[in-house]
Amino acid sequence: MLIEKIAKLSDALEKHYLEVRHDLHAHPELSYKEFRTSQKVQDELRRMGIPFVLSPVKPGVIATIDSGKPGKLLLLRADMDALPIQETTDLPYASQCDGVMHACGHDVHTTNLLAVCDILNRTKDQWKGRVRAVFQPAEENGGGGREMIKAGLMEEKPDACMGMHVGVWTPGVFSIGEGYVSAYSDAEYITVHGKAVHSSKPEKGVDAVLIAASIVVALNTICSRNISPMAQSTLNVGTIHGGTAVNVVTDKVEIGAMLRNADPDSRENMFQKIEQISRGIAEGMGGSVDLRRHYGYSSVYNDPGVTHFAIETIRKNQEALYQGIGDVPEENILTGNQMQLGAEDFGFYSHEAPSCFIKVGTGGPSLNHTPTFQVEEKYIKLMTRTMTLLAEEFLQ
């Protein structure tokens, strides 16, 4: 069987790729600075004999594995960047870079895709078409996926895109939601303008602080009164700055708000309501506002067809996928609505081609983006087996 060959190869390659992972973990790099990581990826691809090109969006790498037979094009993506966090684990391969840590598992994602490429390259006689392996910079900060797409990554549209992400929930459990599985993550910046006067003559001025306070209170009614409770949206006013002295009626206040929405309709509705409320309150109180939208990450949309294919493929092969790793969890695939309001720039891929983004429980003592984040490494092999199997089955 196909999965048995994949499993044997993953066993044989495990030691090497754990060493690769340890090296990457010990040398984390922030968004758009992943040059050492990129060089490691290039060195591994050369060792495998897999051709690659450097992305115009540095330091991204795009590799192509061609079976030599006509067929589909499948894109597989891994992110490479780390976070500005001081690692406090006692791992022998803990970060050697002060204030930088792989606290979200991107070292695992990069290692996994390298291992997948290795197996796919060794088994080209088993499948048709091509695999495009994308090693992407700046998922955490900068939207590297969006920038690579702008630079031409999707000029030839793939038939499907797939990606994986580690998490600290039950080890060995896959989360494969259908439809939207992450949020649009955007910001709105509101500058309130009033008229400054001495506080002894407030009637002569327009109080930007009072206007801003009224706007903040009103903005917090948008989700409860203007967005459907079923839409899964949040609005958070996270910053407010203004004023120079306690005895001056302030003429300028700046407000920053974060918007998270599951779908594009609620996203646009929220932007419009923010503008209407802010302008209405400011003008009614004698002031004015300037508004600036910042469009962040797109939501990840799991295509129903590709998602159903992934779920059924895992179910049919689950005994072999977990062999030598551990027992198959009682409920090993979480399906249906798995929407979470976090952001993930795989969303940009998912709006270009049918996609499936799979989350894999890898255990660990603490949440992603914390100084003590770790994974149980044996589940990296589960990721490798699963992504390789999905690729080969899809391309067959």
Protein backbone atom coordinates (compact mmCIF):
# COMPACT_ATOMS: atom_id res chain seq x y z
CA MET A 1 0.00 0.00 0.00
CA LEU A 2 1.02 3.60 -0.63
CA ILE A 3 0.80 4.62 3.03
CA GLU A 4 3.04 1.74 4.09
CA LYS A 5 5.82 2.95 1.79
CA ILE A 6 5.39 6.51 3.04
CA ALA A 7 5.48 5.33 6.67
CA LYS A 8 8.71 3.36 6.13
CA LEU A 9 10.39 6.33 4.48
CA SER A 10 9.25 8.66 7.27
CA ASP A 11 10.78 6.27 9.82
CA ALA A 12 14.07 6.14 7.93
CA LEU A 13 14.26 9.93 7.57
CA GLU A 14 13.04 10.87 11.05
CA LYS A 15 16.44 11.20 12.74
CA HIS A 16 17.80 13.51 10.05
CA TYR A 17 14.80 15.83 10.08
CA LEU A 18 14.72 16.04 13.86
CA GLU A 19 18.30 17.29 13.61
CA VAL A 20 17.15 19.83 11.01
CA ARG A 21 14.33 20.93 13.30
CA HIS A 22 16.69 21.34 16.27
CA ASP A 23 19.01 23.49 14.17
CA LEU A 24 16.15 25.71 13.01
CA HIS A 25 14.75 25.99 16.52
CA ALA A 26 18.11 27.03 17.93
CA HIS A 27 18.49 29.76 15.31
CA PRO A 28 15.10 31.50 15.02
CA GLU A 29 14.68 34.58 12.84
CA LEU A 30 12.00 37.27 12.73
CA SER A 31 9.75 38.10 9.77
CA TYR A 32 11.61 38.93 6.55
CA LYS A 33 14.92 38.16 8.28
CA GLU A 34 14.85 34.37 7.83
CA PHE A 35 18.01 34.28 5.72
CA ARG A 36 19.80 31.56 7.66
CA THR A 37 16.61 29.48 7.69
CA SER A 38 16.19 30.03 3.96
CA GLN A 39 19.79 28.94 3.36
CA LYS A 40 19.18 25.77 5.37
CA VAL A 41 16.11 25.05 3.22
CA GLN A 42 18.13 25.62 0.05
CA ASP A 43 20.93 23.34 1.26
CA GLU A 44 18.46 20.55 2.01
CA LEU A 45 16.73 20.91 -1.36
CA ARG A 46 20.10 20.75 -3.15
CA ARG A 47 20.97 17.62 -1.20
CA MET A 48 17.70 16.05 -2.40
CA GLY A 49 18.27 17.18 -5.99
CA ILE A 50 15.05 19.21 -6.03
CA PRO A 51 15.15 22.37 -8.19
CA PHE A 52 14.08 25.65 -6.61
CA VAL A 53 13.99 29.38 -7.19
CA LEU A 54 14.29 32.28 -4.77
CA SER A 55 11.16 34.35 -4.40
CA PRO A 56 11.25 38.07 -5.24
CA VAL A 57 9.90 38.37 -1.70
CA LYS A 58 13.10 37.62 0.19
CA PRO A 59 14.05 35.22 1.62
CA GLY A 60 11.27 32.93 0.38
CA VAL A 61 12.05 29.71 -1.49
CA ILE A 62 9.86 27.96 -4.08
CA ALA A 63 10.72 24.36 -4.97
CA THR A 64 9.15 22.22 -7.69
CA ILE A 65 8.97 18.44 -7.75
CA ASP A 66 7.93 17.21 -11.20
CA SER A 67 6.83 13.62 -11.67
CA GLY A 68 7.49 13.86 -15.39
CA LYS A 69 3.91 12.87 -16.07
CA PRO A 70 1.08 15.28 -16.92
CA GLY A 71 -1.33 15.93 -14.09
CA LYS A 72 -2.41 18.39 -11.43
CA LEU A 73 -0.40 21.09 -9.69
CA LEU A 74 -0.51 20.98 -5.89
CA LEU A 75 0.89 23.78 -3.71
CA LEU A 76 2.20 22.94 -0.25
CA ARG A 77 3.16 25.80 2.06
CA ALA A 78 5.25 26.20 5.21
CA ASP A 79 6.11 29.40 7.08
CA MET A 80 9.62 30.06 8.39
CA ASP A 81 9.56 33.04 10.79
CA ALA A 82 9.81 33.17 14.58
CA LEU A 83 8.51 35.57 17.25
CA PRO A 84 10.06 38.32 19.42
CA ILE A 85 9.83 36.20 22.58
CA GLN A 86 12.54 35.17 25.04
CA GLU A 87 12.55 31.37 25.25
CA THR A 88 12.47 29.94 28.78
CA THR A 89 12.45 26.22 28.04
CA ASP A 90 15.31 23.95 29.12
CA LEU A 91 15.55 22.25 25.72
CA PRO A 92 19.09 21.33 24.65
CA TYR A 93 18.33 23.03 21.32
CA ALA A 94 16.66 26.12 22.83
CA SER A 95 16.99 29.43 21.03
CA GLN A 96 20.48 30.88 20.88
CA CYS A 97 19.10 34.24 19.73
CA ASP A 98 18.29 36.64 22.53
CA GLY A 99 14.66 37.71 22.49
CA VAL A 100 13.69 35.54 19.49
CA MET A 101 11.95 32.16 19.67
CA HIS A 102 10.07 29.64 17.54
CA ALA A 103 7.04 29.93 19.80
CA CYS A 104 4.47 29.01 17.15
CA GLY A 105 6.03 25.93 15.58
CA HIS A 106 7.17 27.37 12.27
CA ASP A 107 10.42 25.46 12.66
CA VAL A 108 8.25 22.34 12.71
CA HIS A 109 6.30 23.46 9.64
CA THR A 110 9.50 24.09 7.67
CA THR A 111 11.05 20.79 8.75
CA ASN A 112 7.87 18.91 7.93
CA LEU A 113 7.65 20.31 4.40
CA LEU A 114 11.30 19.45 3.76
CA ALA A 115 10.62 15.86 4.84
CA VAL A 116 7.48 15.75 2.66
CA CYS A 117 9.51 16.99 -0.31
CA ASP A 118 12.11 14.30 0.33
CA ILE A 119 9.54 11.50 0.29
CA LEU A 120 7.63 12.90 -2.70
CA ASN A 121 10.88 13.17 -4.63
CA ARG A 122 11.76 9.54 -3.83
CA THR A 123 8.31 8.31 -4.88
CA LYS A 124 7.75 10.23 -8.12
CA ASP A 125 6.84 7.01 -9.87
CA GLN A 126 3.77 6.76 -7.61
CA TRP A 127 2.04 9.99 -8.67
CA LYS A 128 1.43 12.37 -11.59
CA GLY A 129 1.76 16.10 -12.05
CA ARG A 130 3.80 18.55 -9.98
CA VAL A 131 4.21 19.75 -6.42
CA ARG A 132 5.09 23.36 -5.67
CA ALA A 133 6.62 23.61 -2.19
CA VAL A 134 6.55 27.17 -0.81
CA PHE A 135 8.80 28.14 2.09
CA GLN A 136 7.32 31.47 3.05
CA PRO A 137 8.71 34.32 5.15
CA ALA A 138 6.78 36.62 7.46
CA GLU A 139 3.59 34.84 8.43
CA GLU A 140 3.65 36.40 11.89
CA ASN A 141 4.26 39.99 10.86
CA GLY A 142 4.11 41.26 7.31
CA GLY A 143 1.83 38.96 5.36
CA GLY A 144 4.54 37.11 3.49
CA GLY A 145 1.98 34.95 1.74
CA ARG A 146 0.14 37.98 0.41
CA GLU A 147 3.40 39.52 -0.80
CA MET A 148 4.52 36.32 -2.55
CA ILE A 149 1.18 36.11 -4.33
CA LYS A 150 1.50 39.76 -5.41
CA ALA A 151 4.95 38.89 -6.75
CA GLY A 152 3.53 36.19 -9.04
CA LEU A 153 3.38 33.00 -6.98
CA MET A 154 -0.12 32.22 -8.26
CA GLU A 155 0.33 33.23 -11.91
CA GLU A 156 -0.11 29.55 -12.63
CA LYS A 157 -3.05 28.63 -10.45
CA PRO A 158 -2.62 25.38 -8.53
CA ASP A 159 -5.43 22.86 -8.50
CA ALA A 160 -5.27 22.94 -4.70
CA CYS A 161 -3.27 24.36 -1.80
CA MET A 162 -2.55 22.65 1.51
CA GLY A 163 -0.87 23.72 4.73
CA MET A 164 -0.45 22.46 8.29
CA HIS A 165 -0.10 24.12 11.68
CA VAL A 166 0.86 22.67 15.07
CA GLY A 167 -1.11 23.32 18.24
CA VAL A 168 -1.05 22.30 21.88
CA TRP A 169 -4.38 20.51 22.02
CA THR A 170 -4.68 16.72 22.34
CA PRO A 171 -1.67 15.11 20.66
CA GLY A 172 -2.48 13.39 17.39
CA VAL A 173 -5.85 15.06 16.91
CA PHE A 174 -6.49 16.77 13.56
CA SER A 175 -8.69 19.85 13.30
CA ILE A 176 -10.03 20.02 9.75
CA GLY A 177 -12.90 22.48 9.64
CA GLU A 178 -15.01 23.21 6.60
CA GLY A 179 -15.59 26.75 5.37
CA TYR A 180 -14.06 29.66 7.29
CA VAL A 181 -11.61 28.46 9.96
CA SER A 182 -9.84 31.72 10.83
CA ALA A 183 -10.79 35.39 10.90
CA TYR A 184 -10.23 38.42 8.76
CA SER A 185 -7.94 40.49 10.97
CA ASP A 186 -8.07 44.24 10.28
CA ALA A 187 -7.58 47.56 12.02
CA GLU A 188 -9.28 50.96 11.96
CA TYR A 189 -7.50 54.13 13.05
CA ILE A 190 -9.69 57.08 14.04
CA THR A 191 -8.29 60.57 14.56
CA VAL A 192 -10.69 62.88 16.41
CA HIS A 193 -10.32 66.62 15.84
CA GLY A 194 -11.68 69.25 18.22
CA LYS A 195 -10.65 72.75 19.27
CA ALA A 196 -8.17 73.39 22.07
CA VAL A 197 -8.89 75.94 24.78
CA HIS A 198 -8.03 76.48 28.44
CA SER A 199 -10.15 74.32 30.71
CA SER A 200 -11.49 77.42 32.48
CA LYS A 201 -13.44 78.27 29.31
CA PRO A 202 -14.67 74.92 27.97
CA GLU A 203 -17.55 76.54 26.08
CA LYS A 204 -15.03 78.11 23.71
CA GLY A 205 -13.57 74.79 22.57
CA VAL A 206 -14.49 71.36 21.27
CA ASP A 207 -13.35 68.52 23.54
CA ALA A 208 -11.72 65.78 21.48
CA VAL A 209 -11.35 63.59 24.59
CA LEU A 210 -15.09 63.70 25.27
CA ILE A 211 -15.85 62.95 21.62
CA ALA A 212 -13.39 60.05 21.63
CA ALA A 213 -14.85 58.63 24.84
CA SER A 214 -18.33 58.75 23.32
CA ILE A 215 -17.08 57.02 20.15
CA VAL A 216 -15.38 54.26 22.13
CA VAL A 217 -18.55 53.52 24.08
CA ALA A 218 -20.63 53.49 20.90
CA LEU A 219 -18.19 51.25 19.00
CA ASN A 220 -18.68 48.59 21.63
CA THR A 221 -22.33 48.30 20.61
CA ILE A 222 -21.55 47.31 17.01
CA CYS A 223 -21.09 43.57 17.59
CA SER A 224 -24.11 43.31 19.89
CA ARG A 225 -26.50 45.42 17.80
CA ASN A 226 -25.26 45.61 14.21
CA ILE A 227 -23.64 42.22 13.56
CA SER A 228 -25.44 38.88 13.72
CA PRO A 229 -24.51 36.81 16.80
CA MET A 230 -23.92 33.95 14.36
CA ALA A 231 -21.29 35.94 12.45
CA GLN A 232 -18.47 35.36 14.98
CA SER A 233 -17.06 38.88 15.12
CA THR A 234 -15.14 40.92 17.68
CA LEU A 235 -14.16 44.59 17.89
CA ASN A 236 -11.53 45.75 20.35
CA VAL A 237 -10.45 49.32 20.99
CA GLY A 238 -6.85 48.69 21.97
CA THR A 239 -5.23 52.13 21.91
CA ILE A 240 -6.26 55.70 22.67
CA HIS A 241 -3.84 58.64 22.80
CA GLY A 242 -4.44 62.33 23.28
CA GLY A 243 -3.99 65.38 25.44
CA THR A 244 -1.04 67.45 26.57
CA ALA A 245 -2.08 68.86 29.96
CA VAL A 246 -4.85 68.40 32.51
CA ASN A 247 -5.92 72.06 32.25
CA VAL A 248 -6.37 72.04 28.46
CA VAL A 249 -9.41 70.96 26.46
CA THR A 250 -7.70 68.68 23.95
CA ASP A 251 -8.03 69.20 20.21
CA LYS A 252 -6.80 65.79 19.02
CA VAL A 253 -7.21 62.15 20.10
CA GLU A 254 -6.15 59.01 18.21
CA ILE A 255 -8.04 55.71 18.58
CA GLY A 256 -6.94 52.29 17.32
CA ALA A 257 -9.33 49.35 16.99
CA MET A 258 -8.91 45.71 15.94
CA LEU A 259 -11.66 44.01 13.92
CA ARG A 260 -12.04 40.26 13.57
CA ASN A 261 -14.71 38.76 11.33
CA ALA A 262 -15.42 35.30 10.01
CA ASP A 263 -16.87 36.38 6.68
CA PRO A 264 -16.48 39.29 4.23
CA ASP A 265 -20.02 40.60 4.71
CA SER A 266 -19.69 41.18 8.46
CA ARG A 267 -16.21 42.58 7.83
CA GLU A 268 -17.50 45.29 5.48
CA ASN A 269 -20.55 45.94 7.67
CA MET A 270 -18.29 46.57 10.66
CA PHE A 271 -16.07 48.98 8.76
CA GLN A 272 -19.14 50.94 7.61
CA LYS A 273 -20.66 51.10 11.09
CA ILE A 274 -17.39 52.36 12.59
CA GLU A 275 -17.31 55.17 10.05
CA GLN A 276 -20.99 56.09 10.48
CA ILE A 277 -20.84 56.11 14.27
CA SER A 278 -17.54 57.99 14.48
CA ARG A 279 -18.56 60.71 12.02
CA GLY A 280 -22.04 61.07 13.49
CA ILE A 281 -20.84 61.49 17.07
CA ALA A 282 -17.98 63.82 16.17
CA GLU A 283 -20.06 66.10 13.98
CA GLY A 284 -22.91 66.14 16.49
CA MET A 285 -20.48 67.38 19.16
CA GLY A 286 -18.86 70.01 16.96
CA GLY A 287 -15.76 68.09 15.88
CA SER A 288 -14.64 65.89 13.02
CA VAL A 289 -12.81 62.64 12.39
CA ASP A 290 -10.34 61.16 9.92
CA LEU A 291 -10.54 57.40 9.44
CA ARG A 292 -7.97 55.01 8.01
CA ARG A 293 -8.62 51.36 7.30
CA HIS A 294 -5.84 48.82 7.48
CA TYR A 295 -6.72 45.56 5.77
CA GLY A 296 -4.87 42.74 7.49
CA TYR A 297 -5.00 38.99 6.88
CA SER A 298 -7.75 37.26 4.96
CA SER A 299 -9.67 34.49 6.64
CA VAL A 300 -8.67 30.93 5.83
CA TYR A 301 -11.40 29.23 3.81
CA ASN A 302 -11.32 25.45 3.65
CA ASP A 303 -12.87 24.35 0.38
CA PRO A 304 -15.55 21.71 1.07
CA GLY A 305 -14.34 19.39 -1.69
CA VAL A 306 -10.66 19.44 -0.76
CA THR A 307 -11.53 19.27 2.94
CA HIS A 308 -13.79 16.24 2.49
CA PHE A 309 -11.02 14.56 0.48
CA ALA A 310 -8.51 15.19 3.29
CA ILE A 311 -10.82 13.89 6.02
CA GLU A 312 -11.72 10.71 4.16
CA THR A 313 -8.10 10.00 3.17
CA ILE A 314 -6.96 10.27 6.79
CA ARG A 315 -9.83 8.09 8.02
CA LYS A 316 -9.13 5.35 5.52
CA ASN A 317 -5.43 5.22 6.42
CA GLN A 318 -5.44 6.16 10.09
CA GLU A 319 -4.06 2.91 11.50
CA ALA A 320 -0.95 3.12 9.32
CA LEU A 321 -0.58 6.88 9.87
CA TYR A 322 -0.30 6.43 13.65
CA GLN A 323 1.72 3.20 13.57
CA GLY A 324 4.79 3.48 15.80
CA ILE A 325 3.66 6.89 17.05
CA GLY A 326 0.78 6.09 19.37
CA ASP A 327 -2.80 4.89 19.57
CA VAL A 328 -5.36 6.50 17.31
CA PRO A 329 -7.22 9.02 19.52
CA GLU A 330 -10.89 8.19 20.07
CA GLU A 331 -11.96 11.32 18.20
CA ASN A 332 -8.92 11.94 16.03
CA ILE A 333 -10.48 14.29 13.45
CA LEU A 334 -12.45 17.37 14.49
CA THR A 335 -14.69 18.38 11.60
CA GLY A 336 -17.52 20.79 10.82
CA ASN A 337 -17.33 24.32 12.21
CA GLN A 338 -13.81 24.73 13.62
CA MET A 339 -13.80 28.52 13.29
CA GLN A 340 -11.37 30.43 15.50
CA LEU A 341 -10.86 34.20 15.53
CA GLY A 342 -7.09 34.08 15.23
CA ALA A 343 -5.41 35.24 12.02
CA GLU A 344 -3.31 33.20 9.58
CA ASP A 345 -1.96 34.38 6.26
CA PHE A 346 -2.63 31.03 4.59
CA GLY A 347 -5.95 32.81 4.05
CA PHE A 348 -4.41 34.58 1.06
CA TYR A 349 -3.71 31.22 -0.58
CA SER A 350 -7.19 29.93 0.20
CA HIS A 351 -8.80 32.83 -1.68
CA GLU A 352 -6.73 32.05 -4.79
CA ALA A 353 -7.32 28.30 -5.16
CA PRO A 354 -9.28 25.48 -3.46
CA SER A 355 -7.49 24.89 -0.18
CA CYS A 356 -7.36 22.90 3.03
CA PHE A 357 -5.55 24.08 6.15
CA ILE A 358 -5.07 21.34 8.74
CA LYS A 359 -4.21 21.85 12.40
CA VAL A 360 -2.45 19.04 14.23
CA GLY A 361 -2.35 18.58 17.98
CA THR A 362 1.24 18.09 19.10
CA GLY A 363 0.81 18.44 22.88
CA GLY A 364 3.14 20.58 24.93
CA PRO A 365 3.01 22.41 28.27
CA SER A 366 1.82 25.85 27.12
CA LEU A 367 0.02 27.75 24.40
CA ASN A 368 1.49 29.00 21.13
CA HIS A 369 3.17 32.42 21.43
CA THR A 370 4.42 31.77 24.97
CA PRO A 371 8.04 31.46 26.22
CA THR A 372 7.62 27.81 27.21
CA PHE A 373 5.96 26.56 23.99
CA GLN A 374 7.07 23.06 22.99
CA VAL A 375 5.82 20.18 20.84
CA GLU A 376 5.96 16.43 21.28
CA GLU A 377 8.30 15.67 18.42
CA LYS A 378 6.97 12.24 17.51
CA TYR A 379 3.91 13.95 16.05
CA ILE A 380 6.05 15.70 13.45
CA LYS A 381 6.26 12.32 11.74
CA LEU A 382 2.46 12.09 11.82
CA MET A 383 2.34 15.44 10.02
CA THR A 384 4.87 14.27 7.43
CA ARG A 385 3.06 11.02 6.73
CA THR A 386 -0.29 12.80 6.48
CA MET A 387 0.78 15.64 4.19
CA THR A 388 2.71 13.25 1.93
CA LEU A 389 -0.23 10.85 1.71
CA LEU A 390 -2.67 13.66 0.94
CA ALA A 391 -0.36 14.97 -1.77
CA GLU A 392 0.13 11.63 -3.45
CA GLU A 393 -3.54 10.62 -3.26
CA PHE A 394 -4.60 14.01 -4.63
CA LEU A 395 -2.13 13.81 -7.49
CA GLN A 396 -3.08 10.23 -8.33
